[in-house]
Amino acid sequence: MSVMDITIHSSFLPHEDPEESLAFYRDVLGFEVRLDVGKGKMRWVTVGPPHQPDTSIVLYPPNATPASPTRSAAPLPR
């Protein structure tokens, strides 16, 4: 049996309150903020451990999920 080496680069977690999420990941866990886009509760924030630049958690507003009809890509022509 061979050994499989798996790496997870990004995890996506919904947030209800970006400031509360930032307080936990940045201030409690010591993660660095890598990207902070948006305003108010419609913010996407990427955080990660400082010594693991290839590992990130993307905190996103649940009302703007990629599966939302307003966020779907246009269908490709046939």
Protein backbone atom coordinates (compact mmCIF):
# COMPACT_ATOMS: atom_id res chain seq x y z
CA MET A 1 0.00 0.00 0.00
CA SER A 2 1.44 3.38 -0.98
CA VAL A 3 1.35 6.47 1.20
CA MET A 4 -0.77 9.39 0.00
CA ASP A 5 0.42 12.90 0.82
CA ILE A 6 -2.56 15.28 0.98
CA THR A 7 -2.34 19.02 1.56
CA ILE A 8 -5.32 21.31 2.09
CA HIS A 9 -4.50 24.83 0.95
CA SER A 10 -7.82 26.59 1.61
CA SER A 11 -10.88 25.96 3.73
CA PHE A 12 -14.02 28.07 3.41
CA LEU A 13 -16.06 28.84 6.52
CA PRO A 14 -19.15 31.06 6.71
CA HIS A 15 -19.26 33.88 9.25
CA GLU A 16 -22.15 35.89 10.66
CA ASP A 17 -19.94 38.64 12.11
CA PRO A 18 -16.58 39.39 10.46
CA GLU A 19 -15.23 41.35 13.43
CA GLU A 20 -16.03 38.51 15.84
CA SER A 21 -14.42 36.00 13.48
CA LEU A 22 -11.32 38.18 13.12
CA ALA A 23 -11.06 38.55 16.90
CA PHE A 24 -10.97 34.76 17.23
CA TYR A 25 -8.64 33.83 14.37
CA ARG A 26 -6.27 36.80 14.66
CA ASP A 27 -6.28 37.60 18.38
CA VAL A 28 -6.89 34.17 19.95
CA LEU A 29 -5.22 31.79 17.47
CA GLY A 30 -2.56 34.25 16.29
CA PHE A 31 -3.37 33.90 12.58
CA GLU A 32 -2.35 36.66 10.20
CA VAL A 33 -4.87 38.49 8.01
CA ARG A 34 -3.92 37.91 4.38
CA LEU A 35 -6.84 39.53 2.61
CA ASP A 36 -9.86 41.56 3.75
CA VAL A 37 -12.33 42.49 1.02
CA GLY A 38 -15.80 44.02 1.24
CA LYS A 39 -17.74 46.18 3.68
CA GLY A 40 -19.82 45.60 6.78
CA LYS A 41 -21.15 42.07 7.05
CA MET A 42 -20.46 41.40 3.34
CA ARG A 43 -16.73 40.78 3.88
CA TRP A 44 -14.46 37.99 2.72
CA VAL A 45 -11.47 37.64 5.05
CA THR A 46 -8.57 35.27 4.45
CA VAL A 47 -6.50 34.29 7.49
CA GLY A 48 -3.80 31.74 8.10
CA PRO A 49 -1.02 30.61 10.41
CA PRO A 50 2.02 32.89 10.03
CA HIS A 51 4.49 30.05 9.45
CA GLN A 52 2.30 28.21 6.93
CA PRO A 53 1.82 30.59 3.98
CA ASP A 54 0.21 27.88 1.83
CA THR A 55 -2.60 27.20 4.33
CA SER A 56 -5.55 29.60 4.53
CA ILE A 57 -9.05 29.87 5.90
CA VAL A 58 -11.44 32.02 3.87
CA LEU A 59 -14.21 33.47 6.03
CA TYR A 60 -17.16 34.41 3.83
CA PRO A 61 -20.63 35.88 4.40
CA PRO A 62 -23.20 33.05 4.24
CA ASN A 63 -25.60 35.18 2.19
CA ALA A 64 -23.07 35.30 -0.65
CA THR A 65 -22.23 31.64 -1.12
CA PRO A 66 -20.80 30.61 -4.50
CA ALA A 67 -23.92 28.48 -5.08
CA SER A 68 -26.19 31.52 -4.80
CA PRO A 69 -28.05 32.24 -8.07
CA THR A 70 -26.78 35.84 -7.96
CA ARG A 71 -23.18 34.55 -7.82
CA SER A 72 -23.40 31.81 -10.45
CA ALA A 73 -21.37 31.99 -13.61
CA ALA A 74 -23.16 32.52 -16.89
CA PRO A 75 -23.81 29.31 -18.81
CA LEU A 76 -21.35 28.49 -21.55
CA PRO A 77 -22.64 28.64 -25.12
CA ARG A 78 -23.17 25.26 -26.77
